[in-house]
Amino acid sequence: AVFARLESLGYGGWVGCEYRPAGGTR
């Protein structure tokens, strides 16, 4: 839902994935 609102607002930047994986990243 957040991504959908970003897109509807016209966001053209990056979304940084700054999270700690619960297991292996991939």
mmCIF file of all heavy atoms, coordinates in Angstrom:
data_MODEL
# 
_entry.id   MODEL 
# 
loop_
_atom_site.group_PDB 
_atom_site.id 
_atom_site.type_symbol 
_atom_site.label_atom_id 
_atom_site.label_alt_id 
_atom_site.label_comp_id 
_atom_site.label_asym_id 
_atom_site.label_entity_id 
_atom_site.label_seq_id 
_atom_site.pdbx_PDB_ins_code 
_atom_site.Cartn_x 
_atom_site.Cartn_y 
_atom_site.Cartn_z 
_atom_site.occupancy 
_atom_site.B_iso_or_equiv 
_atom_site.pdbx_formal_charge 
_atom_site.auth_seq_id 
_atom_site.auth_comp_id 
_atom_site.auth_asym_id 
_atom_site.auth_atom_id 
_atom_site.pdbx_PDB_model_num 
ATOM 1   N N   . ALA A 1 1  ? 0.827  -1.208  0.000  1.00 0.00 ? 1  ALA A N   1 
ATOM 2   C CA  . ALA A 1 1  ? 0.000  0.000   0.000  1.00 0.00 ? 1  ALA A CA  1 
ATOM 3   C C   . ALA A 1 1  ? 0.861  1.258   0.000  1.00 0.00 ? 1  ALA A C   1 
ATOM 4   O O   . ALA A 1 1  ? 0.538  2.251   -0.678 1.00 0.00 ? 1  ALA A O   1 
ATOM 5   C CB  . ALA A 1 1  ? -0.922 0.000   1.220  1.00 0.00 ? 1  ALA A CB  1 
ATOM 6   N N   . VAL A 1 2  ? 1.961  1.231   0.747  1.00 0.00 ? 2  VAL A N   1 
ATOM 7   C CA  . VAL A 1 2  ? 2.861  2.384   0.765  1.00 0.00 ? 2  VAL A CA  1 
ATOM 8   C C   . VAL A 1 2  ? 3.493  2.578   -0.609 1.00 0.00 ? 2  VAL A C   1 
ATOM 9   O O   . VAL A 1 2  ? 3.572  3.703   -1.125 1.00 0.00 ? 2  VAL A O   1 
ATOM 10  C CB  . VAL A 1 2  ? 3.944  2.198   1.845  1.00 0.00 ? 2  VAL A CB  1 
ATOM 11  C CG1 . VAL A 1 2  ? 4.927  3.370   1.817  1.00 0.00 ? 2  VAL A CG1 1 
ATOM 12  C CG2 . VAL A 1 2  ? 3.315  2.075   3.228  1.00 0.00 ? 2  VAL A CG2 1 
ATOM 13  N N   . PHE A 1 3  ? 3.938  1.490   -1.227 1.00 0.00 ? 3  PHE A N   1 
ATOM 14  C CA  . PHE A 1 3  ? 4.536  1.596   -2.549 1.00 0.00 ? 3  PHE A CA  1 
ATOM 15  C C   . PHE A 1 3  ? 3.528  2.114   -3.571 1.00 0.00 ? 3  PHE A C   1 
ATOM 16  O O   . PHE A 1 3  ? 3.877  2.910   -4.451 1.00 0.00 ? 3  PHE A O   1 
ATOM 17  C CB  . PHE A 1 3  ? 5.063  0.227   -2.996 1.00 0.00 ? 3  PHE A CB  1 
ATOM 18  C CG  . PHE A 1 3  ? 6.303  -0.239  -2.270 1.00 0.00 ? 3  PHE A CG  1 
ATOM 19  C CD1 . PHE A 1 3  ? 6.716  -1.552  -2.372 1.00 0.00 ? 3  PHE A CD1 1 
ATOM 20  C CD2 . PHE A 1 3  ? 7.061  0.631   -1.503 1.00 0.00 ? 3  PHE A CD2 1 
ATOM 21  C CE1 . PHE A 1 3  ? 7.865  -1.998  -1.739 1.00 0.00 ? 3  PHE A CE1 1 
ATOM 22  C CE2 . PHE A 1 3  ? 8.202  0.211   -0.847 1.00 0.00 ? 3  PHE A CE2 1 
ATOM 23  C CZ  . PHE A 1 3  ? 8.603  -1.110  -0.964 1.00 0.00 ? 3  PHE A CZ  1 
ATOM 24  N N   . ALA A 1 4  ? 2.284  1.644   -3.463 1.00 0.00 ? 4  ALA A N   1 
ATOM 25  C CA  . ALA A 1 4  ? 1.258  2.117   -4.398 1.00 0.00 ? 4  ALA A CA  1 
ATOM 26  C C   . ALA A 1 4  ? 1.051  3.618   -4.261 1.00 0.00 ? 4  ALA A C   1 
ATOM 27  O O   . ALA A 1 4  ? 0.886  4.331   -5.264 1.00 0.00 ? 4  ALA A O   1 
ATOM 28  C CB  . ALA A 1 4  ? -0.049 1.366   -4.154 1.00 0.00 ? 4  ALA A CB  1 
ATOM 29  N N   . ARG A 1 5  ? 1.088  4.114   -3.017 1.00 0.00 ? 5  ARG A N   1 
ATOM 30  C CA  . ARG A 1 5  ? 0.911  5.565   -2.822 1.00 0.00 ? 5  ARG A CA  1 
ATOM 31  C C   . ARG A 1 5  ? 2.130  6.326   -3.320 1.00 0.00 ? 5  ARG A C   1 
ATOM 32  O O   . ARG A 1 5  ? 1.983  7.405   -3.925 1.00 0.00 ? 5  ARG A O   1 
ATOM 33  C CB  . ARG A 1 5  ? 0.669  5.873   -1.336 1.00 0.00 ? 5  ARG A CB  1 
ATOM 34  C CG  . ARG A 1 5  ? 0.235  7.319   -1.093 1.00 0.00 ? 5  ARG A CG  1 
ATOM 35  C CD  . ARG A 1 5  ? -1.127 7.585   -1.695 1.00 0.00 ? 5  ARG A CD  1 
ATOM 36  N NE  . ARG A 1 5  ? -1.543 8.976   -1.586 1.00 0.00 ? 5  ARG A NE  1 
ATOM 37  C CZ  . ARG A 1 5  ? -1.718 9.780   -2.625 1.00 0.00 ? 5  ARG A CZ  1 
ATOM 38  N NH1 . ARG A 1 5  ? -1.506 9.337   -3.863 1.00 0.00 ? 5  ARG A NH1 1 
ATOM 39  N NH2 . ARG A 1 5  ? -2.105 11.030  -2.452 1.00 0.00 ? 5  ARG A NH2 1 
ATOM 40  N N   . LEU A 1 6  ? 3.326  5.792   -3.105 1.00 0.00 ? 6  LEU A N   1 
ATOM 41  C CA  . LEU A 1 6  ? 4.524  6.427   -3.656 1.00 0.00 ? 6  LEU A CA  1 
ATOM 42  C C   . LEU A 1 6  ? 4.415  6.567   -5.171 1.00 0.00 ? 6  LEU A C   1 
ATOM 43  O O   . LEU A 1 6  ? 4.703  7.635   -5.736 1.00 0.00 ? 6  LEU A O   1 
ATOM 44  C CB  . LEU A 1 6  ? 5.754  5.596   -3.313 1.00 0.00 ? 6  LEU A CB  1 
ATOM 45  C CG  . LEU A 1 6  ? 6.499  5.870   -2.017 1.00 0.00 ? 6  LEU A CG  1 
ATOM 46  C CD1 . LEU A 1 6  ? 7.580  4.814   -1.808 1.00 0.00 ? 6  LEU A CD1 1 
ATOM 47  C CD2 . LEU A 1 6  ? 7.108  7.262   -2.003 1.00 0.00 ? 6  LEU A CD2 1 
ATOM 48  N N   . GLU A 1 7  ? 3.998  5.504   -5.812 1.00 0.00 ? 7  GLU A N   1 
ATOM 49  C CA  . GLU A 1 7  ? 3.884  5.536   -7.266 1.00 0.00 ? 7  GLU A CA  1 
ATOM 50  C C   . GLU A 1 7  ? 2.819  6.517   -7.717 1.00 0.00 ? 7  GLU A C   1 
ATOM 51  O O   . GLU A 1 7  ? 3.010  7.248   -8.695 1.00 0.00 ? 7  GLU A O   1 
ATOM 52  C CB  . GLU A 1 7  ? 3.581  4.132   -7.788 1.00 0.00 ? 7  GLU A CB  1 
ATOM 53  C CG  . GLU A 1 7  ? 4.761  3.181   -7.684 1.00 0.00 ? 7  GLU A CG  1 
ATOM 54  C CD  . GLU A 1 7  ? 4.510  1.864   -8.392 1.00 0.00 ? 7  GLU A CD  1 
ATOM 55  O OE1 . GLU A 1 7  ? 3.541  1.172   -8.022 1.00 0.00 ? 7  GLU A OE1 1 
ATOM 56  O OE2 . GLU A 1 7  ? 5.278  1.533   -9.312 1.00 0.00 ? 7  GLU A OE2 1 
ATOM 57  N N   . SER A 1 8  ? 1.689  6.544   -7.018 1.00 0.00 ? 8  SER A N   1 
ATOM 58  C CA  . SER A 1 8  ? 0.614  7.451   -7.419 1.00 0.00 ? 8  SER A CA  1 
ATOM 59  C C   . SER A 1 8  ? 1.002  8.918   -7.228 1.00 0.00 ? 8  SER A C   1 
ATOM 60  O O   . SER A 1 8  ? 0.518  9.797   -7.944 1.00 0.00 ? 8  SER A O   1 
ATOM 61  C CB  . SER A 1 8  ? -0.670 7.144   -6.641 1.00 0.00 ? 8  SER A CB  1 
ATOM 62  O OG  . SER A 1 8  ? -0.544 7.500   -5.274 1.00 0.00 ? 8  SER A OG  1 
ATOM 63  N N   . LEU A 1 9  ? 1.903  9.181   -6.276 1.00 0.00 ? 9  LEU A N   1 
ATOM 64  C CA  . LEU A 1 9  ? 2.402  10.542  -6.065 1.00 0.00 ? 9  LEU A CA  1 
ATOM 65  C C   . LEU A 1 9  ? 3.466  10.934  -7.081 1.00 0.00 ? 9  LEU A C   1 
ATOM 66  O O   . LEU A 1 9  ? 3.841  12.098  -7.175 1.00 0.00 ? 9  LEU A O   1 
ATOM 67  C CB  . LEU A 1 9  ? 2.965  10.675  -4.650 1.00 0.00 ? 9  LEU A CB  1 
ATOM 68  C CG  . LEU A 1 9  ? 1.947  10.685  -3.512 1.00 0.00 ? 9  LEU A CG  1 
ATOM 69  C CD1 . LEU A 1 9  ? 2.638  10.509  -2.168 1.00 0.00 ? 9  LEU A CD1 1 
ATOM 70  C CD2 . LEU A 1 9  ? 1.124  11.974  -3.525 1.00 0.00 ? 9  LEU A CD2 1 
ATOM 71  N N   . GLY A 1 10 ? 3.971  9.945   -7.815 1.00 0.00 ? 10 GLY A N   1 
ATOM 72  C CA  . GLY A 1 10 ? 4.970  10.229  -8.828 1.00 0.00 ? 10 GLY A CA  1 
ATOM 73  C C   . GLY A 1 10 ? 6.399  10.150  -8.344 1.00 0.00 ? 10 GLY A C   1 
ATOM 74  O O   . GLY A 1 10 ? 7.294  10.762  -8.943 1.00 0.00 ? 10 GLY A O   1 
ATOM 75  N N   . TYR A 1 11 ? 6.636  9.371   -7.289 1.00 0.00 ? 11 TYR A N   1 
ATOM 76  C CA  . TYR A 1 11 ? 7.997  9.255   -6.777 1.00 0.00 ? 11 TYR A CA  1 
ATOM 77  C C   . TYR A 1 11 ? 8.893  8.568   -7.794 1.00 0.00 ? 11 TYR A C   1 
ATOM 78  O O   . TYR A 1 11 ? 8.604  7.465   -8.261 1.00 0.00 ? 11 TYR A O   1 
ATOM 79  C CB  . TYR A 1 11 ? 7.994  8.456   -5.472 1.00 0.00 ? 11 TYR A CB  1 
ATOM 80  C CG  . TYR A 1 11 ? 9.360  8.304   -4.840 1.00 0.00 ? 11 TYR A CG  1 
ATOM 81  C CD1 . TYR A 1 11 ? 10.034 9.410   -4.319 1.00 0.00 ? 11 TYR A CD1 1 
ATOM 82  C CD2 . TYR A 1 11 ? 9.972  7.055   -4.755 1.00 0.00 ? 11 TYR A CD2 1 
ATOM 83  C CE1 . TYR A 1 11 ? 11.272 9.274   -3.727 1.00 0.00 ? 11 TYR A CE1 1 
ATOM 84  C CE2 . TYR A 1 11 ? 11.218 6.912   -4.158 1.00 0.00 ? 11 TYR A CE2 1 
ATOM 85  C CZ  . TYR A 1 11 ? 11.871 8.022   -3.652 1.00 0.00 ? 11 TYR A CZ  1 
ATOM 86  O OH  . TYR A 1 11 ? 13.108 7.883   -3.068 1.00 0.00 ? 11 TYR A OH  1 
ATOM 87  N N   . GLY A 1 12 ? 10.000 9.204   -8.142 1.00 0.00 ? 12 GLY A N   1 
ATOM 88  C CA  . GLY A 1 12 ? 10.916 8.647   -9.118 1.00 0.00 ? 12 GLY A CA  1 
ATOM 89  C C   . GLY A 1 12 ? 12.257 8.265   -8.549 1.00 0.00 ? 12 GLY A C   1 
ATOM 90  O O   . GLY A 1 12 ? 13.174 7.909   -9.295 1.00 0.00 ? 12 GLY A O   1 
ATOM 91  N N   . GLY A 1 13 ? 12.403 8.346   -7.218 1.00 0.00 ? 13 GLY A N   1 
ATOM 92  C CA  . GLY A 1 13 ? 13.673 8.043   -6.580 1.00 0.00 ? 13 GLY A CA  1 
ATOM 93  C C   . GLY A 1 13 ? 13.819 6.571   -6.237 1.00 0.00 ? 13 GLY A C   1 
ATOM 94  O O   . GLY A 1 13 ? 13.065 5.714   -6.690 1.00 0.00 ? 13 GLY A O   1 
ATOM 95  N N   . TRP A 1 14 ? 14.806 6.304   -5.402 1.00 0.00 ? 14 TRP A N   1 
ATOM 96  C CA  . TRP A 1 14 ? 15.105 4.944   -4.985 1.00 0.00 ? 14 TRP A CA  1 
ATOM 97  C C   . TRP A 1 14 ? 14.462 4.631   -3.651 1.00 0.00 ? 14 TRP A C   1 
ATOM 98  O O   . TRP A 1 14 ? 14.217 5.532   -2.840 1.00 0.00 ? 14 TRP A O   1 
ATOM 99  C CB  . TRP A 1 14 ? 16.613 4.746   -4.871 1.00 0.00 ? 14 TRP A CB  1 
ATOM 100 C CG  . TRP A 1 14 ? 17.337 4.794   -6.180 1.00 0.00 ? 14 TRP A CG  1 
ATOM 101 C CD1 . TRP A 1 14 ? 17.845 5.906   -6.800 1.00 0.00 ? 14 TRP A CD1 1 
ATOM 102 C CD2 . TRP A 1 14 ? 17.615 3.691   -7.042 1.00 0.00 ? 14 TRP A CD2 1 
ATOM 103 N NE1 . TRP A 1 14 ? 18.419 5.551   -7.990 1.00 0.00 ? 14 TRP A NE1 1 
ATOM 104 C CE2 . TRP A 1 14 ? 18.310 4.203   -8.167 1.00 0.00 ? 14 TRP A CE2 1 
ATOM 105 C CE3 . TRP A 1 14 ? 17.361 2.323   -6.969 1.00 0.00 ? 14 TRP A CE3 1 
ATOM 106 C CZ2 . TRP A 1 14 ? 18.741 3.398   -9.208 1.00 0.00 ? 14 TRP A CZ2 1 
ATOM 107 C CZ3 . TRP A 1 14 ? 17.798 1.503   -8.003 1.00 0.00 ? 14 TRP A CZ3 1 
ATOM 108 C CH2 . TRP A 1 14 ? 18.476 2.039   -9.116 1.00 0.00 ? 14 TRP A CH2 1 
ATOM 109 N N   . VAL A 1 15 ? 14.226 3.350   -3.417 1.00 0.00 ? 15 VAL A N   1 
ATOM 110 C CA  . VAL A 1 15 ? 13.772 2.852   -2.126 1.00 0.00 ? 15 VAL A CA  1 
ATOM 111 C C   . VAL A 1 15 ? 14.871 1.947   -1.589 1.00 0.00 ? 15 VAL A C   1 
ATOM 112 O O   . VAL A 1 15 ? 15.142 0.874   -2.144 1.00 0.00 ? 15 VAL A O   1 
ATOM 113 C CB  . VAL A 1 15 ? 12.445 2.074   -2.254 1.00 0.00 ? 15 VAL A CB  1 
ATOM 114 C CG1 . VAL A 1 15 ? 12.066 1.450   -0.910 1.00 0.00 ? 15 VAL A CG1 1 
ATOM 115 C CG2 . VAL A 1 15 ? 11.331 2.999   -2.746 1.00 0.00 ? 15 VAL A CG2 1 
ATOM 116 N N   . GLY A 1 16 ? 15.539 2.390   -0.535 1.00 0.00 ? 16 GLY A N   1 
ATOM 117 C CA  . GLY A 1 16 ? 16.642 1.639   0.032  1.00 0.00 ? 16 GLY A CA  1 
ATOM 118 C C   . GLY A 1 16 ? 16.154 0.537   0.958  1.00 0.00 ? 16 GLY A C   1 
ATOM 119 O O   . GLY A 1 16 ? 15.342 0.786   1.858  1.00 0.00 ? 16 GLY A O   1 
ATOM 120 N N   . CYS A 1 17 ? 16.648 -0.668  0.737  1.00 0.00 ? 17 CYS A N   1 
ATOM 121 C CA  . CYS A 1 17 ? 16.269 -1.828  1.556  1.00 0.00 ? 17 CYS A CA  1 
ATOM 122 C C   . CYS A 1 17 ? 17.285 -1.946  2.692  1.00 0.00 ? 17 CYS A C   1 
ATOM 123 O O   . CYS A 1 17 ? 18.330 -2.591  2.545  1.00 0.00 ? 17 CYS A O   1 
ATOM 124 C CB  . CYS A 1 17 ? 16.238 -3.083  0.701  1.00 0.00 ? 17 CYS A CB  1 
ATOM 125 S SG  . CYS A 1 17 ? 15.044 -2.976  -0.664 1.00 0.00 ? 17 CYS A SG  1 
ATOM 126 N N   . GLU A 1 18 ? 16.970 -1.313  3.804  1.00 0.00 ? 18 GLU A N   1 
ATOM 127 C CA  . GLU A 1 18 ? 17.882 -1.253  4.940  1.00 0.00 ? 18 GLU A CA  1 
ATOM 128 C C   . GLU A 1 18 ? 17.321 -2.125  6.070  1.00 0.00 ? 18 GLU A C   1 
ATOM 129 O O   . GLU A 1 18 ? 16.954 -1.630  7.137  1.00 0.00 ? 18 GLU A O   1 
ATOM 130 C CB  . GLU A 1 18 ? 18.082 0.192   5.415  1.00 0.00 ? 18 GLU A CB  1 
ATOM 131 C CG  . GLU A 1 18 ? 19.254 0.344   6.368  1.00 0.00 ? 18 GLU A CG  1 
ATOM 132 C CD  . GLU A 1 18 ? 19.430 1.763   6.886  1.00 0.00 ? 18 GLU A CD  1 
ATOM 133 O OE1 . GLU A 1 18 ? 18.415 2.481   7.034  1.00 0.00 ? 18 GLU A OE1 1 
ATOM 134 O OE2 . GLU A 1 18 ? 20.577 2.149   7.149  1.00 0.00 ? 18 GLU A OE2 1 
ATOM 135 N N   . TYR A 1 19 ? 17.247 -3.404  5.811  1.00 0.00 ? 19 TYR A N   1 
ATOM 136 C CA  . TYR A 1 19 ? 16.720 -4.327  6.811  1.00 0.00 ? 19 TYR A CA  1 
ATOM 137 C C   . TYR A 1 19 ? 17.713 -5.453  7.057  1.00 0.00 ? 19 TYR A C   1 
ATOM 138 O O   . TYR A 1 19 ? 18.605 -5.712  6.238  1.00 0.00 ? 19 TYR A O   1 
ATOM 139 C CB  . TYR A 1 19 ? 15.363 -4.885  6.375  1.00 0.00 ? 19 TYR A CB  1 
ATOM 140 C CG  . TYR A 1 19 ? 15.379 -5.739  5.127  1.00 0.00 ? 19 TYR A CG  1 
ATOM 141 C CD1 . TYR A 1 19 ? 15.687 -7.108  5.181  1.00 0.00 ? 19 TYR A CD1 1 
ATOM 142 C CD2 . TYR A 1 19 ? 15.067 -5.200  3.880  1.00 0.00 ? 19 TYR A CD2 1 
ATOM 143 C CE1 . TYR A 1 19 ? 15.688 -7.899  4.042  1.00 0.00 ? 19 TYR A CE1 1 
ATOM 144 C CE2 . TYR A 1 19 ? 15.070 -5.985  2.730  1.00 0.00 ? 19 TYR A CE2 1 
ATOM 145 C CZ  . TYR A 1 19 ? 15.383 -7.329  2.818  1.00 0.00 ? 19 TYR A CZ  1 
ATOM 146 O OH  . TYR A 1 19 ? 15.395 -8.115  1.688  1.00 0.00 ? 19 TYR A OH  1 
ATOM 147 N N   . ARG A 1 20 ? 17.558 -6.102  8.205  1.00 0.00 ? 20 ARG A N   1 
ATOM 148 C CA  . ARG A 1 20 ? 18.416 -7.235  8.563  1.00 0.00 ? 20 ARG A CA  1 
ATOM 149 C C   . ARG A 1 20 ? 17.691 -8.526  8.197  1.00 0.00 ? 20 ARG A C   1 
ATOM 150 O O   . ARG A 1 20 ? 16.657 -8.842  8.792  1.00 0.00 ? 20 ARG A O   1 
ATOM 151 C CB  . ARG A 1 20 ? 18.742 -7.207  10.057 1.00 0.00 ? 20 ARG A CB  1 
ATOM 152 C CG  . ARG A 1 20 ? 19.575 -6.014  10.491 1.00 0.00 ? 20 ARG A CG  1 
ATOM 153 C CD  . ARG A 1 20 ? 19.968 -6.141  11.959 1.00 0.00 ? 20 ARG A CD  1 
ATOM 154 N NE  . ARG A 1 20 ? 18.812 -6.029  12.832 1.00 0.00 ? 20 ARG A NE  1 
ATOM 155 C CZ  . ARG A 1 20 ? 18.416 -4.896  13.417 1.00 0.00 ? 20 ARG A CZ  1 
ATOM 156 N NH1 . ARG A 1 20 ? 19.082 -3.777  13.211 1.00 0.00 ? 20 ARG A NH1 1 
ATOM 157 N NH2 . ARG A 1 20 ? 17.359 -4.885  14.203 1.00 0.00 ? 20 ARG A NH2 1 
ATOM 158 N N   . PRO A 1 21 ? 18.193 -9.283  7.241  1.00 0.00 ? 21 PRO A N   1 
ATOM 159 C CA  . PRO A 1 21 ? 17.503 -10.518 6.853  1.00 0.00 ? 21 PRO A CA  1 
ATOM 160 C C   . PRO A 1 21 ? 17.343 -11.470 8.027  1.00 0.00 ? 21 PRO A C   1 
ATOM 161 O O   . PRO A 1 21 ? 18.256 -11.619 8.851  1.00 0.00 ? 21 PRO A O   1 
ATOM 162 C CB  . PRO A 1 21 ? 18.425 -11.112 5.782  1.00 0.00 ? 21 PRO A CB  1 
ATOM 163 C CG  . PRO A 1 21 ? 19.195 -9.945  5.258  1.00 0.00 ? 21 PRO A CG  1 
ATOM 164 C CD  . PRO A 1 21 ? 19.386 -9.034  6.423  1.00 0.00 ? 21 PRO A CD  1 
ATOM 165 N N   . ALA A 1 22 ? 16.183 -12.100 8.100  1.00 0.00 ? 22 ALA A N   1 
ATOM 166 C CA  . ALA A 1 22 ? 15.939 -13.067 9.172  1.00 0.00 ? 22 ALA A CA  1 
ATOM 167 C C   . ALA A 1 22 ? 16.753 -14.335 8.969  1.00 0.00 ? 22 ALA A C   1 
ATOM 168 O O   . ALA A 1 22 ? 17.059 -15.050 9.927  1.00 0.00 ? 22 ALA A O   1 
ATOM 169 C CB  . ALA A 1 22 ? 14.448 -13.407 9.247  1.00 0.00 ? 22 ALA A CB  1 
ATOM 170 N N   . GLY A 1 23 ? 17.117 -14.614 7.700  1.00 0.00 ? 23 GLY A N   1 
ATOM 171 C CA  . GLY A 1 23 ? 17.965 -15.760 7.375  1.00 0.00 ? 23 GLY A CA  1 
ATOM 172 C C   . GLY A 1 23 ? 18.961 -15.325 6.325  1.00 0.00 ? 23 GLY A C   1 
ATOM 173 O O   . GLY A 1 23 ? 19.548 -14.253 6.419  1.00 0.00 ? 23 GLY A O   1 
ATOM 174 N N   . GLY A 1 24 ? 19.151 -16.134 5.283  1.00 0.00 ? 24 GLY A N   1 
ATOM 175 C CA  . GLY A 1 24 ? 20.009 -15.719 4.187  1.00 0.00 ? 24 GLY A CA  1 
ATOM 176 C C   . GLY A 1 24 ? 19.353 -14.605 3.382  1.00 0.00 ? 24 GLY A C   1 
ATOM 177 O O   . GLY A 1 24 ? 18.132 -14.581 3.194  1.00 0.00 ? 24 GLY A O   1 
ATOM 178 N N   . THR A 1 25 ? 20.160 -13.668 2.904  1.00 0.00 ? 25 THR A N   1 
ATOM 179 C CA  . THR A 1 25 ? 19.605 -12.531 2.169  1.00 0.00 ? 25 THR A CA  1 
ATOM 180 C C   . THR A 1 25 ? 18.785 -12.978 0.971  1.00 0.00 ? 25 THR A C   1 
ATOM 181 O O   . THR A 1 25 ? 17.628 -12.564 0.793  1.00 0.00 ? 25 THR A O   1 
ATOM 182 C CB  . THR A 1 25 ? 20.733 -11.604 1.689  1.00 0.00 ? 25 THR A CB  1 
ATOM 183 O OG1 . THR A 1 25 ? 21.486 -11.153 2.809  1.00 0.00 ? 25 THR A OG1 1 
ATOM 184 C CG2 . THR A 1 25 ? 20.155 -10.401 0.961  1.00 0.00 ? 25 THR A CG2 1 
ATOM 185 N N   . ARG A 1 26 ? 19.369 -13.828 0.135  1.00 0.00 ? 26 ARG A N   1 
ATOM 186 C CA  . ARG A 1 26 ? 18.716 -14.211 -1.117 1.00 0.00 ? 26 ARG A CA  1 
ATOM 187 C C   . ARG A 1 26 ? 17.448 -15.018 -0.864 1.00 0.00 ? 26 ARG A C   1 
ATOM 188 O O   . ARG A 1 26 ? 16.448 -14.864 -1.562 1.00 0.00 ? 26 ARG A O   1 
ATOM 189 C CB  . ARG A 1 26 ? 19.715 -15.006 -1.966 1.00 0.00 ? 26 ARG A CB  1 
ATOM 190 C CG  . ARG A 1 26 ? 19.287 -15.271 -3.395 1.00 0.00 ? 26 ARG A CG  1 
ATOM 191 C CD  . ARG A 1 26 ? 19.224 -13.996 -4.237 1.00 0.00 ? 26 ARG A CD  1 
ATOM 192 N NE  . ARG A 1 26 ? 18.881 -14.314 -5.604 1.00 0.00 ? 26 ARG A NE  1 
ATOM 193 C CZ  . ARG A 1 26 ? 19.768 -14.505 -6.576 1.00 0.00 ? 26 ARG A CZ  1 
ATOM 194 N NH1 . ARG A 1 26 ? 21.063 -14.406 -6.331 1.00 0.00 ? 26 ARG A NH1 1 
ATOM 195 N NH2 . ARG A 1 26 ? 19.367 -14.777 -7.798 1.00 0.00 ? 26 ARG A NH2 1 
# 
